[in-house]
Amino acid sequence: MEIEREHVMASVIPERDTALIELRKQGLTVKLHSSQNDTWHIADGGLYSGYVASGDELVELKRANKLNIRGIKDLG
């Protein structure tokens, strides 16, 4: 069971990394929020602004061609 889980995670990580790079190219600040939960803090400026999204959510936004601050805001 643990082997299958690692296999699934390994296939998602490159897509997540590509999504993070794309967000940074858009001028957004991207920082790891929780390594345990694979959540990321994405900010478009301002000292206390930003949104938290999981790596899986970022991959889904990229696949849907909605990987930008507006798409992240829409996650709720």
PDB file of N, CA and C in Angstrom:
ATOM      1  N   MET A   1       0.823  -1.188   0.000  1.00  0.00           N
ATOM      2  CA  MET A   1       0.000   0.000   0.000  1.00  0.00           C
ATOM      3  C   MET A   1       0.870   1.256   0.000  1.00  0.00           C
ATOM      4  N   GLU A   2       1.867   1.248   0.813  1.00  0.00           N
ATOM      5  CA  GLU A   2       2.752   2.403   0.906  1.00  0.00           C
ATOM      6  C   GLU A   2       3.496   2.624  -0.417  1.00  0.00           C
ATOM      7  N   ILE A   3       3.820   1.569  -1.116  1.00  0.00           N
ATOM      8  CA  ILE A   3       4.512   1.680  -2.404  1.00  0.00           C
ATOM      9  C   ILE A   3       3.624   2.389  -3.423  1.00  0.00           C
ATOM     10  N   GLU A   4       2.351   2.044  -3.460  1.00  0.00           N
ATOM     11  CA  GLU A   4       1.436   2.691  -4.392  1.00  0.00           C
ATOM     12  C   GLU A   4       1.319   4.171  -4.096  1.00  0.00           C
ATOM     13  N   ARG A   5       1.243   4.517  -2.820  1.00  0.00           N
ATOM     14  CA  ARG A   5       1.117   5.927  -2.440  1.00  0.00           C
ATOM     15  C   ARG A   5       2.331   6.719  -2.914  1.00  0.00           C
ATOM     16  N   GLU A   6       3.515   6.180  -2.709  1.00  0.00           N
ATOM     17  CA  GLU A   6       4.726   6.869  -3.150  1.00  0.00           C
ATOM     18  C   GLU A   6       4.745   7.009  -4.663  1.00  0.00           C
ATOM     19  N   HIS A   7       4.261   6.009  -5.373  1.00  0.00           N
ATOM     20  CA  HIS A   7       4.230   6.062  -6.830  1.00  0.00           C
ATOM     21  C   HIS A   7       3.315   7.203  -7.300  1.00  0.00           C
ATOM     22  N   VAL A   8       2.176   7.356  -6.683  1.00  0.00           N
ATOM     23  CA  VAL A   8       1.244   8.422  -7.058  1.00  0.00           C
ATOM     24  C   VAL A   8       1.862   9.775  -6.762  1.00  0.00           C
ATOM     25  N   MET A   9       2.451   9.926  -5.597  1.00  0.00           N
ATOM     26  CA  MET A   9       3.063  11.202  -5.228  1.00  0.00           C
ATOM     27  C   MET A   9       4.196  11.563  -6.189  1.00  0.00           C
ATOM     28  N   ALA A  10       4.984  10.580  -6.586  1.00  0.00           N
ATOM     29  CA  ALA A  10       6.104  10.853  -7.475  1.00  0.00           C
ATOM     30  C   ALA A  10       5.625  11.401  -8.816  1.00  0.00           C
ATOM     31  N   SER A  11       4.460  10.985  -9.280  1.00  0.00           N
ATOM     32  CA  SER A  11       3.976  11.449 -10.567  1.00  0.00           C
ATOM     33  C   SER A  11       3.384  12.857 -10.484  1.00  0.00           C
ATOM     34  N   VAL A  12       2.975  13.295  -9.297  1.00  0.00           N
ATOM     35  CA  VAL A  12       2.368  14.616  -9.138  1.00  0.00           C
ATOM     36  C   VAL A  12       3.420  15.683  -8.876  1.00  0.00           C
ATOM     37  N   ILE A  13       4.497  15.347  -8.241  1.00  0.00           N
ATOM     38  CA  ILE A  13       5.491  16.334  -7.837  1.00  0.00           C
ATOM     39  C   ILE A  13       6.060  17.136  -9.016  1.00  0.00           C
ATOM     40  N   PRO A  14       6.463  16.526 -10.130  1.00  0.00           N
ATOM     41  CA  PRO A  14       6.977  17.348 -11.241  1.00  0.00           C
ATOM     42  C   PRO A  14       5.937  18.353 -11.754  1.00  0.00           C
ATOM     43  N   GLU A  15       4.682  17.945 -11.800  1.00  0.00           N
ATOM     44  CA  GLU A  15       3.635  18.873 -12.232  1.00  0.00           C
ATOM     45  C   GLU A  15       3.480  20.014 -11.230  1.00  0.00           C
ATOM     46  N   ARG A  16       3.573  19.686  -9.951  1.00  0.00           N
ATOM     47  CA  ARG A  16       3.477  20.716  -8.915  1.00  0.00           C
ATOM     48  C   ARG A  16       4.640  21.700  -9.047  1.00  0.00           C
ATOM     49  N   ASP A  17       5.839  21.166  -9.241  1.00  0.00           N
ATOM     50  CA  ASP A  17       7.015  22.024  -9.380  1.00  0.00           C
ATOM     51  C   ASP A  17       6.882  22.948 -10.587  1.00  0.00           C
ATOM     52  N   THR A  18       6.350  22.438 -11.678  1.00  0.00           N
ATOM     53  CA  THR A  18       6.121  23.258 -12.869  1.00  0.00           C
ATOM     54  C   THR A  18       5.117  24.362 -12.572  1.00  0.00           C
ATOM     55  N   ALA A  19       4.073  24.034 -11.815  1.00  0.00           N
ATOM     56  CA  ALA A  19       3.067  25.032 -11.439  1.00  0.00           C
ATOM     57  C   ALA A  19       3.688  26.119 -10.571  1.00  0.00           C
ATOM     58  N   LEU A  20       4.541  25.734  -9.625  1.00  0.00           N
ATOM     59  CA  LEU A  20       5.191  26.716  -8.747  1.00  0.00           C
ATOM     60  C   LEU A  20       6.096  27.649  -9.552  1.00  0.00           C
ATOM     61  N   ILE A  21       6.817  27.089 -10.500  1.00  0.00           N
ATOM     62  CA  ILE A  21       7.696  27.901 -11.357  1.00  0.00           C
ATOM     63  C   ILE A  21       6.863  28.885 -12.165  1.00  0.00           C
ATOM     64  N   GLU A  22       5.739  28.426 -12.703  1.00  0.00           N
ATOM     65  CA  GLU A  22       4.872  29.302 -13.497  1.00  0.00           C
ATOM     66  C   GLU A  22       4.333  30.459 -12.655  1.00  0.00           C
ATOM     67  N   LEU A  23       3.936  30.171 -11.416  1.00  0.00           N
ATOM     68  CA  LEU A  23       3.436  31.233 -10.530  1.00  0.00           C
ATOM     69  C   LEU A  23       4.528  32.267 -10.261  1.00  0.00           C
ATOM     70  N   ARG A  24       5.743  31.802 -10.037  1.00  0.00           N
ATOM     71  CA  ARG A  24       6.857  32.738  -9.791  1.00  0.00           C
ATOM     72  C   ARG A  24       7.145  33.584 -11.032  1.00  0.00           C
ATOM     73  N   LYS A  25       7.022  32.991 -12.216  1.00  0.00           N
ATOM     74  CA  LYS A  25       7.224  33.748 -13.459  1.00  0.00           C
ATOM     75  C   LYS A  25       6.168  34.832 -13.626  1.00  0.00           C
ATOM     76  N   GLN A  26       4.985  34.635 -13.015  1.00  0.00           N
ATOM     77  CA  GLN A  26       3.926  35.631 -13.062  1.00  0.00           C
ATOM     78  C   GLN A  26       4.174  36.758 -12.061  1.00  0.00           C
ATOM     79  N   GLY A  27       5.274  36.673 -11.315  1.00  0.00           N
ATOM     80  CA  GLY A  27       5.613  37.717 -10.352  1.00  0.00           C
ATOM     81  C   GLY A  27       5.014  37.505  -8.974  1.00  0.00           C
ATOM     82  N   LEU A  28       4.447  36.328  -8.743  1.00  0.00           N
ATOM     83  CA  LEU A  28       3.845  36.038  -7.446  1.00  0.00           C
ATOM     84  C   LEU A  28       4.905  35.494  -6.487  1.00  0.00           C
ATOM     85  N   THR A  29       4.710  35.744  -5.201  1.00  0.00           N
ATOM     86  CA  THR A  29       5.597  35.209  -4.178  1.00  0.00           C
ATOM     87  C   THR A  29       5.039  33.866  -3.735  1.00  0.00           C
ATOM     88  N   VAL A  30       5.860  32.841  -3.816  1.00  0.00           N
ATOM     89  CA  VAL A  30       5.433  31.484  -3.480  1.00  0.00           C
ATOM     90  C   VAL A  30       6.354  30.945  -2.389  1.00  0.00           C
ATOM     91  N   LYS A  31       5.744  30.559  -1.261  1.00  0.00           N
ATOM     92  CA  LYS A  31       6.506  30.002  -0.147  1.00  0.00           C
ATOM     93  C   LYS A  31       5.808  28.756   0.371  1.00  0.00           C
ATOM     94  N   LEU A  32       6.601  27.819   0.857  1.00  0.00           N
ATOM     95  CA  LEU A  32       6.042  26.614   1.448  1.00  0.00           C
ATOM     96  C   LEU A  32       5.332  26.987   2.740  1.00  0.00           C
ATOM     97  N   HIS A  33       4.084  26.610   2.858  1.00  0.00           N
ATOM     98  CA  HIS A  33       3.285  26.886   4.052  1.00  0.00           C
ATOM     99  C   HIS A  33       3.381  25.717   5.024  1.00  0.00           C
ATOM    100  N   SER A  34       3.214  24.484   4.530  1.00  0.00           N
ATOM    101  CA  SER A  34       3.315  23.273   5.361  1.00  0.00           C
ATOM    102  C   SER A  34       3.839  22.127   4.509  1.00  0.00           C
ATOM    103  N   SER A  35       5.015  21.650   4.852  1.00  0.00           N
ATOM    104  CA  SER A  35       5.562  20.520   4.098  1.00  0.00           C
ATOM    105  C   SER A  35       4.785  19.242   4.403  1.00  0.00           C
ATOM    106  N   GLN A  36       4.257  19.137   5.605  1.00  0.00           N
ATOM    107  CA  GLN A  36       3.487  17.955   5.986  1.00  0.00           C
ATOM    108  C   GLN A  36       2.207  17.832   5.163  1.00  0.00           C
ATOM    109  N   ASN A  37       1.559  18.970   4.884  1.00  0.00           N
ATOM    110  CA  ASN A  37       0.306  18.966   4.132  1.00  0.00           C
ATOM    111  C   ASN A  37       0.484  19.347   2.668  1.00  0.00           C
ATOM    112  N   ASP A  38       1.725  19.623   2.246  1.00  0.00           N
ATOM    113  CA  ASP A  38       2.024  20.075   0.889  1.00  0.00           C
ATOM    114  C   ASP A  38       1.140  21.270   0.514  1.00  0.00           C
ATOM    115  N   THR A  39       1.165  22.288   1.379  1.00  0.00           N
ATOM    116  CA  THR A  39       0.420  23.513   1.096  1.00  0.00           C
ATOM    117  C   THR A  39       1.396  24.654   0.871  1.00  0.00           C
ATOM    118  N   TRP A  40       0.968  25.581   0.028  1.00  0.00           N
ATOM    119  CA  TRP A  40       1.815  26.686  -0.412  1.00  0.00           C
ATOM    120  C   TRP A  40       1.103  28.005  -0.194  1.00  0.00           C
ATOM    121  N   HIS A  41       1.864  29.020   0.222  1.00  0.00           N
ATOM    122  CA  HIS A  41       1.325  30.365   0.397  1.00  0.00           C
ATOM    123  C   HIS A  41       1.704  31.157  -0.849  1.00  0.00           C
ATOM    124  N   ILE A  42       0.703  31.706  -1.514  1.00  0.00           N
ATOM    125  CA  ILE A  42       0.914  32.456  -2.744  1.00  0.00           C
ATOM    126  C   ILE A  42       0.402  33.867  -2.522  1.00  0.00           C
ATOM    127  N   ALA A  43       1.251  34.860  -2.773  1.00  0.00           N
ATOM    128  CA  ALA A  43       0.876  36.262  -2.551  1.00  0.00           C
ATOM    129  C   ALA A  43       1.166  37.077  -3.794  1.00  0.00           C
ATOM    130  N   ASP A  44       0.327  38.090  -4.010  1.00  0.00           N
ATOM    131  CA  ASP A  44       0.522  38.980  -5.157  1.00  0.00           C
ATOM    132  C   ASP A  44       0.905  40.381  -4.710  1.00  0.00           C
ATOM    133  N   GLY A  45       1.466  40.491  -3.545  1.00  0.00           N
ATOM    134  CA  GLY A  45       1.903  41.783  -3.028  1.00  0.00           C
ATOM    135  C   GLY A  45       1.253  42.064  -1.693  1.00  0.00           C
ATOM    136  N   GLY A  46       1.774  43.051  -1.010  1.00  0.00           N
ATOM    137  CA  GLY A  46       1.226  43.383   0.297  1.00  0.00           C
ATOM    138  C   GLY A  46       1.840  42.528   1.385  1.00  0.00           C
ATOM    139  N   LEU A  47       1.925  43.095   2.549  1.00  0.00           N
ATOM    140  CA  LEU A  47       2.591  42.431   3.657  1.00  0.00           C
ATOM    141  C   LEU A  47       1.784  41.258   4.213  1.00  0.00           C
ATOM    142  N   TYR A  48       0.475  41.417   4.318  1.00  0.00           N
ATOM    143  CA  TYR A  48      -0.352  40.380   4.940  1.00  0.00           C
ATOM    144  C   TYR A  48      -1.338  39.730   3.980  1.00  0.00           C
ATOM    145  N   SER A  49      -1.100  39.850   2.712  1.00  0.00           N
ATOM    146  CA  SER A  49      -2.022  39.263   1.739  1.00  0.00           C
ATOM    147  C   SER A  49      -1.524  37.900   1.306  1.00  0.00           C
ATOM    148  N   GLY A  50      -2.385  37.153   0.685  1.00  0.00           N
ATOM    149  CA  GLY A  50      -1.982  35.883   0.123  1.00  0.00           C
ATOM    150  C   GLY A  50      -3.019  34.810   0.356  1.00  0.00           C
ATOM    151  N   TYR A  51      -2.784  33.676  -0.268  1.00  0.00           N
ATOM    152  CA  TYR A  51      -3.711  32.555  -0.240  1.00  0.00           C
ATOM    153  C   TYR A  51      -2.919  31.277  -0.037  1.00  0.00           C
ATOM    154  N   VAL A  52      -3.550  30.297   0.587  1.00  0.00           N
ATOM    155  CA  VAL A  52      -2.917  29.000   0.787  1.00  0.00           C
ATOM    156  C   VAL A  52      -3.624  27.992  -0.113  1.00  0.00           C
ATOM    157  N   ALA A  53      -2.829  27.227  -0.843  1.00  0.00           N
ATOM    158  CA  ALA A  53      -3.366  26.199  -1.732  1.00  0.00           C
ATOM    159  C   ALA A  53      -2.496  24.958  -1.629  1.00  0.00           C
ATOM    160  N   SER A  54      -3.106  23.816  -1.798  1.00  0.00           N
ATOM    161  CA  SER A  54      -2.342  22.563  -1.767  1.00  0.00           C
ATOM    162  C   SER A  54      -1.649  22.351  -3.113  1.00  0.00           C
ATOM    163  N   GLY A  55      -0.646  21.508  -3.094  1.00  0.00           N
ATOM    164  CA  GLY A  55       0.030  21.153  -4.335  1.00  0.00           C
ATOM    165  C   GLY A  55      -0.923  20.538  -5.342  1.00  0.00           C
ATOM    166  N   ASP A  56      -1.839  19.709  -4.859  1.00  0.00           N
ATOM    167  CA  ASP A  56      -2.829  19.090  -5.747  1.00  0.00           C
ATOM    168  C   ASP A  56      -3.737  20.134  -6.390  1.00  0.00           C
ATOM    169  N   GLU A  57      -4.143  21.138  -5.609  1.00  0.00           N
ATOM    170  CA  GLU A  57      -4.994  22.198  -6.156  1.00  0.00           C
ATOM    171  C   GLU A  57      -4.255  22.987  -7.231  1.00  0.00           C
ATOM    172  N   LEU A  58      -2.974  23.243  -7.009  1.00  0.00           N
ATOM    173  CA  LEU A  58      -2.192  23.976  -8.005  1.00  0.00           C
ATOM    174  C   LEU A  58      -2.060  23.177  -9.299  1.00  0.00           C
ATOM    175  N   VAL A  59      -1.873  21.868  -9.174  1.00  0.00           N
ATOM    176  CA  VAL A  59      -1.790  21.008 -10.360  1.00  0.00           C
ATOM    177  C   VAL A  59      -3.117  21.039 -11.119  1.00  0.00           C
ATOM    178  N   GLU A  60      -4.223  20.951 -10.400  1.00  0.00           N
ATOM    179  CA  GLU A  60      -5.540  20.984 -11.050  1.00  0.00           C
ATOM    180  C   GLU A  60      -5.777  22.319 -11.748  1.00  0.00           C
ATOM    181  N   LEU A  61      -5.366  23.418 -11.124  1.00  0.00           N
ATOM    182  CA  LEU A  61      -5.512  24.730 -11.769  1.00  0.00           C
ATOM    183  C   LEU A  61      -4.682  24.799 -13.044  1.00  0.00           C
ATOM    184  N   LYS A  62      -3.477  24.251 -12.994  1.00  0.00           N
ATOM    185  CA  LYS A  62      -2.623  24.256 -14.185  1.00  0.00           C
ATOM    186  C   LYS A  62      -3.255  23.441 -15.307  1.00  0.00           C
ATOM    187  N   ARG A  63      -3.788  22.282 -14.962  1.00  0.00           N
ATOM    188  CA  ARG A  63      -4.434  21.427 -15.970  1.00  0.00           C
ATOM    189  C   ARG A  63      -5.654  22.110 -16.575  1.00  0.00           C
ATOM    190  N   ALA A  64      -6.348  22.928 -15.786  1.00  0.00           N
ATOM    191  CA  ALA A  64      -7.542  23.638 -16.260  1.00  0.00           C
ATOM    192  C   ALA A  64      -7.194  24.985 -16.892  1.00  0.00           C
ATOM    193  N   ASN A  65      -5.897  25.276 -17.014  1.00  0.00           N
ATOM    194  CA  ASN A  65      -5.419  26.539 -17.572  1.00  0.00           C
ATOM    195  C   ASN A  65      -5.939  27.748 -16.775  1.00  0.00           C
ATOM    196  N   LYS A  66      -6.004  27.600 -15.458  1.00  0.00           N
ATOM    197  CA  LYS A  66      -6.459  28.673 -14.571  1.00  0.00           C
ATOM    198  C   LYS A  66      -5.432  28.965 -13.489  1.00  0.00           C
ATOM    199  N   LEU A  67      -4.162  28.696 -13.779  1.00  0.00           N
ATOM    200  CA  LEU A  67      -3.112  28.882 -12.781  1.00  0.00           C
ATOM    201  C   LEU A  67      -2.671  30.340 -12.764  1.00  0.00           C
ATOM    202  N   ASN A  68      -3.364  31.135 -11.969  1.00  0.00           N
ATOM    203  CA  ASN A  68      -3.030  32.536 -11.756  1.00  0.00           C
ATOM    204  C   ASN A  68      -3.653  32.956 -10.433  1.00  0.00           C
ATOM    205  N   ILE A  69      -3.423  34.182 -10.020  1.00  0.00           N
ATOM    206  CA  ILE A  69      -3.921  34.624  -8.718  1.00  0.00           C
ATOM    207  C   ILE A  69      -5.443  34.582  -8.665  1.00  0.00           C
ATOM    208  N   ARG A  70      -6.100  34.872  -9.754  1.00  0.00           N
ATOM    209  CA  ARG A  70      -7.572  34.810  -9.777  1.00  0.00           C
ATOM    210  C   ARG A  70      -8.067  33.383  -9.563  1.00  0.00           C
ATOM    211  N   GLY A  71      -7.437  32.411 -10.219  1.00  0.00           N
ATOM    212  CA  GLY A  71      -7.810  31.013 -10.029  1.00  0.00           C
ATOM    213  C   GLY A  71      -7.585  30.561  -8.600  1.00  0.00           C
ATOM    214  N   ILE A  72      -6.494  31.021  -7.995  1.00  0.00           N
ATOM    215  CA  ILE A  72      -6.193  30.660  -6.612  1.00  0.00           C
ATOM    216  C   ILE A  72      -7.219  31.298  -5.669  1.00  0.00           C
ATOM    217  N   LYS A  73      -7.571  32.551  -5.923  1.00  0.00           N
ATOM    218  CA  LYS A  73      -8.596  33.214  -5.103  1.00  0.00           C
ATOM    219  C   LYS A  73      -9.913  32.463  -5.171  1.00  0.00           C
ATOM    220  N   ASP A  74     -10.258  31.945  -6.337  1.00  0.00           N
ATOM    221  CA  ASP A  74     -11.522  31.236  -6.536  1.00  0.00           C
ATOM    222  C   ASP A  74     -11.583  29.907  -5.781  1.00  0.00           C
ATOM    223  N   LEU A  75     -10.434  29.402  -5.330  1.00  0.00           N
ATOM    224  CA  LEU A  75     -10.444  28.161  -4.566  1.00  0.00           C
ATOM    225  C   LEU A  75     -11.208  28.331  -3.247  1.00  0.00           C
ATOM    226  N   GLY A  76     -11.254  29.576  -2.780  1.00  0.00           N
ATOM    227  CA  GLY A  76     -12.021  29.862  -1.561  1.00  0.00           C
ATOM    228  C   GLY A  76     -11.183  29.760  -0.397  1.00  0.00           C
TER     229      GLY A  76
END
